[in-house]
């Protein structure tokens, strides 16, 4: 085995004399978690909502008149309260 300056001599000797037959075979079990039916449905609903917002036509809105339910006091009302 060639000498490598970054590898210690002890490690080079271990690698040169390594016996691969001493390794044990293992079975790898991969867990593939698929999304549940509820997750898929909620994602579809969310996607439809986002598409509805993006393609919204503001010309379909009706004009609404706003009315002030709690008007601000006028100067006269403020002066009357200060005098009282």
N, C-alpha and C. Protein backbone atom coordinates (compact mmCIF):
# COMPACT_ATOMS: atom_id res chain seq x y z
N UNK A 1 0.85 -1.18 0.00
CA UNK A 1 0.00 0.00 0.00
C UNK A 1 0.89 1.23 0.00
N UNK A 2 0.52 2.21 -0.82
CA UNK A 2 1.33 3.44 -0.91
C UNK A 2 1.21 4.25 0.37
N UNK A 3 2.25 4.99 0.62
CA UNK A 3 2.25 5.86 1.80
C UNK A 3 1.45 7.12 1.50
N UNK A 4 0.56 7.45 2.40
CA UNK A 4 -0.20 8.69 2.30
C UNK A 4 0.21 9.57 3.46
N UNK A 5 0.54 10.81 3.22
CA UNK A 5 1.03 11.68 4.30
C UNK A 5 -0.02 12.01 5.35
N UNK A 6 -1.31 11.93 5.02
CA UNK A 6 -2.35 12.31 5.96
C UNK A 6 -2.81 11.15 6.84
N UNK A 7 -2.36 9.93 6.57
CA UNK A 7 -2.81 8.76 7.31
C UNK A 7 -1.66 8.24 8.16
N UNK A 8 -1.96 7.97 9.43
CA UNK A 8 -0.92 7.48 10.33
C UNK A 8 -0.46 6.08 9.92
N UNK A 9 0.77 5.72 10.29
CA UNK A 9 1.34 4.41 9.92
C UNK A 9 0.52 3.27 10.50
N UNK A 10 0.03 3.41 11.73
CA UNK A 10 -0.76 2.34 12.37
C UNK A 10 -2.03 2.06 11.59
N UNK A 11 -2.68 3.13 11.15
CA UNK A 11 -3.93 2.97 10.39
C UNK A 11 -3.64 2.35 9.04
N UNK A 12 -2.55 2.74 8.41
CA UNK A 12 -2.19 2.14 7.12
C UNK A 12 -1.96 0.65 7.26
N UNK A 13 -1.31 0.22 8.33
CA UNK A 13 -1.05 -1.20 8.55
C UNK A 13 -2.37 -1.95 8.78
N UNK A 14 -3.28 -1.34 9.56
CA UNK A 14 -4.57 -1.99 9.80
C UNK A 14 -5.36 -2.13 8.51
N UNK A 15 -5.33 -1.10 7.68
CA UNK A 15 -6.05 -1.17 6.41
C UNK A 15 -5.44 -2.20 5.47
N UNK A 16 -4.14 -2.31 5.46
CA UNK A 16 -3.47 -3.26 4.58
C UNK A 16 -3.75 -4.70 5.00
N UNK A 17 -3.88 -4.94 6.31
CA UNK A 17 -4.09 -6.31 6.78
C UNK A 17 -5.56 -6.59 7.11
N UNK A 18 -6.48 -5.74 6.66
CA UNK A 18 -7.90 -5.92 6.98
C UNK A 18 -8.48 -7.12 6.25
N UNK A 19 -9.25 -7.93 6.98
CA UNK A 19 -9.87 -9.12 6.42
C UNK A 19 -11.37 -8.86 6.32
N UNK A 20 -11.89 -8.77 5.11
CA UNK A 20 -13.30 -8.47 4.90
C UNK A 20 -14.21 -9.61 5.31
N UNK A 21 -13.69 -10.83 5.44
CA UNK A 21 -14.54 -11.96 5.82
C UNK A 21 -14.96 -11.87 7.29
N UNK A 22 -14.35 -11.00 8.07
CA UNK A 22 -14.74 -10.86 9.48
C UNK A 22 -15.99 -10.00 9.64
N UNK A 23 -16.43 -9.37 8.56
CA UNK A 23 -17.63 -8.54 8.63
C UNK A 23 -18.88 -9.42 8.60
N UNK A 24 -19.94 -8.94 9.25
CA UNK A 24 -21.21 -9.66 9.27
C UNK A 24 -22.18 -8.96 8.32
N UNK A 25 -23.01 -9.78 7.66
CA UNK A 25 -24.00 -9.23 6.75
C UNK A 25 -25.20 -8.73 7.55
N UNK A 26 -25.71 -7.58 7.17
CA UNK A 26 -26.89 -7.03 7.82
C UNK A 26 -27.95 -6.70 6.79
N UNK A 27 -29.19 -6.80 7.20
CA UNK A 27 -30.32 -6.44 6.35
C UNK A 27 -30.75 -5.02 6.70
N UNK A 28 -30.82 -4.18 5.72
CA UNK A 28 -31.24 -2.80 5.94
C UNK A 28 -32.74 -2.70 5.77
N UNK A 29 -33.38 -2.14 6.78
CA UNK A 29 -34.83 -1.95 6.71
C UNK A 29 -35.10 -0.45 6.57
N UNK A 30 -35.59 -0.08 5.41
CA UNK A 30 -35.89 1.33 5.16
C UNK A 30 -37.35 1.59 5.49
N UNK A 31 -37.57 2.66 6.20
CA UNK A 31 -38.94 3.04 6.54
C UNK A 31 -39.38 4.13 5.57
N UNK A 32 -40.34 3.81 4.74
CA UNK A 32 -40.89 4.77 3.81
C UNK A 32 -42.27 5.15 4.33
N UNK A 33 -42.37 6.35 4.85
CA UNK A 33 -43.64 6.79 5.41
C UNK A 33 -44.43 7.53 4.33
N UNK A 34 -45.51 6.91 3.89
CA UNK A 34 -46.38 7.55 2.92
C UNK A 34 -47.40 8.41 3.65
N UNK A 35 -47.81 9.52 3.06
CA UNK A 35 -48.79 10.36 3.74
C UNK A 35 -50.14 9.66 3.82
N UNK A 36 -50.87 9.94 4.89
CA UNK A 36 -52.18 9.32 5.07
C UNK A 36 -53.20 9.96 4.13
N UNK A 37 -54.36 9.33 4.02
CA UNK A 37 -55.41 9.83 3.15
C UNK A 37 -55.87 11.22 3.60
N UNK A 38 -55.93 11.42 4.91
CA UNK A 38 -56.34 12.71 5.45
C UNK A 38 -55.33 13.80 5.10
N UNK A 39 -54.04 13.46 5.16
CA UNK A 39 -52.99 14.42 4.81
C UNK A 39 -53.11 14.85 3.35
N UNK A 40 -53.36 13.89 2.48
CA UNK A 40 -53.49 14.18 1.05
C UNK A 40 -54.70 15.07 0.80
N UNK A 41 -55.83 14.74 1.46
CA UNK A 41 -57.05 15.54 1.27
C UNK A 41 -56.87 16.96 1.78
N UNK A 42 -56.23 17.11 2.94
CA UNK A 42 -56.03 18.45 3.49
C UNK A 42 -55.09 19.26 2.61
N UNK A 43 -54.09 18.61 2.03
CA UNK A 43 -53.18 19.31 1.12
C UNK A 43 -53.90 19.75 -0.15
N UNK A 44 -54.81 18.90 -0.67
CA UNK A 44 -55.58 19.27 -1.85
C UNK A 44 -56.48 20.46 -1.55
N UNK A 45 -57.14 20.45 -0.37
CA UNK A 45 -58.01 21.56 0.01
C UNK A 45 -57.20 22.85 0.13
N UNK A 46 -56.03 22.75 0.73
CA UNK A 46 -55.17 23.92 0.89
C UNK A 46 -54.74 24.46 -0.47
N UNK A 47 -54.41 23.55 -1.38
CA UNK A 47 -53.98 23.95 -2.73
C UNK A 47 -55.13 24.65 -3.47
N UNK A 48 -56.36 24.12 -3.33
CA UNK A 48 -57.51 24.73 -3.97
C UNK A 48 -57.78 26.12 -3.40
N UNK A 49 -57.61 26.28 -2.09
CA UNK A 49 -57.82 27.57 -1.45
C UNK A 49 -56.80 28.59 -1.98
N UNK A 50 -55.54 28.18 -2.07
CA UNK A 50 -54.49 29.07 -2.58
C UNK A 50 -54.78 29.46 -4.03
N UNK A 51 -55.20 28.49 -4.85
CA UNK A 51 -55.52 28.79 -6.25
C UNK A 51 -56.71 29.74 -6.33
N UNK A 52 -57.70 29.57 -5.44
CA UNK A 52 -58.85 30.47 -5.41
C UNK A 52 -58.45 31.88 -5.07
N UNK A 53 -57.51 32.04 -4.16
CA UNK A 53 -57.04 33.37 -3.78
C UNK A 53 -56.25 33.99 -4.93
N UNK A 54 -55.42 33.20 -5.59
CA UNK A 54 -54.59 33.73 -6.67
C UNK A 54 -55.43 34.13 -7.88
N UNK A 55 -56.52 33.40 -8.16
CA UNK A 55 -57.33 33.68 -9.34
C UNK A 55 -58.58 34.48 -9.00
N UNK A 56 -58.62 35.12 -7.84
CA UNK A 56 -59.79 35.87 -7.39
C UNK A 56 -60.02 37.08 -8.29
N UNK A 57 -61.29 37.29 -8.67
CA UNK A 57 -61.66 38.43 -9.51
C UNK A 57 -62.34 39.49 -8.64
N UNK A 58 -61.66 40.60 -8.37
CA UNK A 58 -62.25 41.61 -7.49
C UNK A 58 -63.47 42.31 -8.09
N UNK A 59 -63.71 42.17 -9.39
CA UNK A 59 -64.88 42.80 -10.00
C UNK A 59 -66.18 42.12 -9.57
N UNK A 60 -66.10 40.95 -8.98
CA UNK A 60 -67.29 40.24 -8.50
C UNK A 60 -67.78 40.79 -7.15
N UNK A 61 -66.96 41.63 -6.52
CA UNK A 61 -67.35 42.18 -5.22
C UNK A 61 -68.40 43.27 -5.40
N UNK A 62 -69.29 43.37 -4.42
CA UNK A 62 -70.29 44.43 -4.43
C UNK A 62 -69.80 45.56 -3.54
N UNK A 63 -70.19 46.79 -3.91
CA UNK A 63 -69.78 47.93 -3.11
C UNK A 63 -70.61 47.96 -1.83
N UNK A 64 -69.97 48.24 -0.72
CA UNK A 64 -70.67 48.31 0.56
C UNK A 64 -70.46 49.70 1.16
N UNK A 65 -71.55 50.27 1.67
CA UNK A 65 -71.46 51.56 2.34
C UNK A 65 -71.08 51.31 3.79
N UNK A 66 -70.12 52.06 4.25
CA UNK A 66 -69.71 51.92 5.65
C UNK A 66 -70.38 52.99 6.48
N UNK A 67 -70.78 52.60 7.66
CA UNK A 67 -71.38 53.57 8.58
C UNK A 67 -70.58 53.53 9.88
N UNK A 68 -70.33 54.71 10.43
CA UNK A 68 -69.54 54.82 11.64
C UNK A 68 -70.48 54.59 12.82
N UNK A 69 -70.24 53.54 13.58
CA UNK A 69 -71.10 53.22 14.72
C UNK A 69 -70.66 53.97 15.97
N UNK A 70 -69.39 54.31 16.05
CA UNK A 70 -68.88 55.00 17.23
C UNK A 70 -68.15 56.26 16.74
N UNK A 71 -68.90 57.34 16.49
CA UNK A 71 -68.26 58.53 15.93
C UNK A 71 -67.33 59.20 16.94
N UNK A 72 -66.33 59.88 16.42
CA UNK A 72 -65.41 60.61 17.28
C UNK A 72 -66.09 61.88 17.76
N UNK A 73 -65.78 62.31 18.98
CA UNK A 73 -66.43 63.52 19.50
C UNK A 73 -65.93 64.78 18.78
N UNK A 74 -66.81 65.73 18.65
CA UNK A 74 -66.44 67.00 18.01
C UNK A 74 -65.73 67.88 19.04
N UNK A 75 -65.20 69.00 18.56
CA UNK A 75 -64.49 69.92 19.46
C UNK A 75 -65.43 70.47 20.53
N UNK A 76 -66.68 70.74 20.15
CA UNK A 76 -67.64 71.28 21.10
C UNK A 76 -67.92 70.29 22.23
N UNK A 77 -68.06 69.02 21.89
CA UNK A 77 -68.33 67.99 22.90
C UNK A 77 -67.13 67.87 23.84
N UNK A 78 -65.93 67.94 23.31
CA UNK A 78 -64.72 67.85 24.14
C UNK A 78 -64.65 69.04 25.09
N UNK A 79 -64.97 70.26 24.59
CA UNK A 79 -64.95 71.44 25.44
C UNK A 79 -66.00 71.35 26.54
N UNK A 80 -67.17 70.81 26.22
CA UNK A 80 -68.22 70.66 27.23
C UNK A 80 -67.79 69.68 28.32
N UNK A 81 -67.11 68.59 27.94
CA UNK A 81 -66.65 67.62 28.93
C UNK A 81 -65.55 68.20 29.81
N UNK A 82 -64.69 69.03 29.24
CA UNK A 82 -63.63 69.66 30.02
C UNK A 82 -64.21 70.67 31.01
N UNK A 83 -65.25 71.37 30.60
CA UNK A 83 -65.88 72.37 31.46
C UNK A 83 -66.66 71.72 32.60
N UNK A 84 -67.14 70.54 32.40
CA UNK A 84 -67.98 69.88 33.41
C UNK A 84 -67.22 69.33 34.57
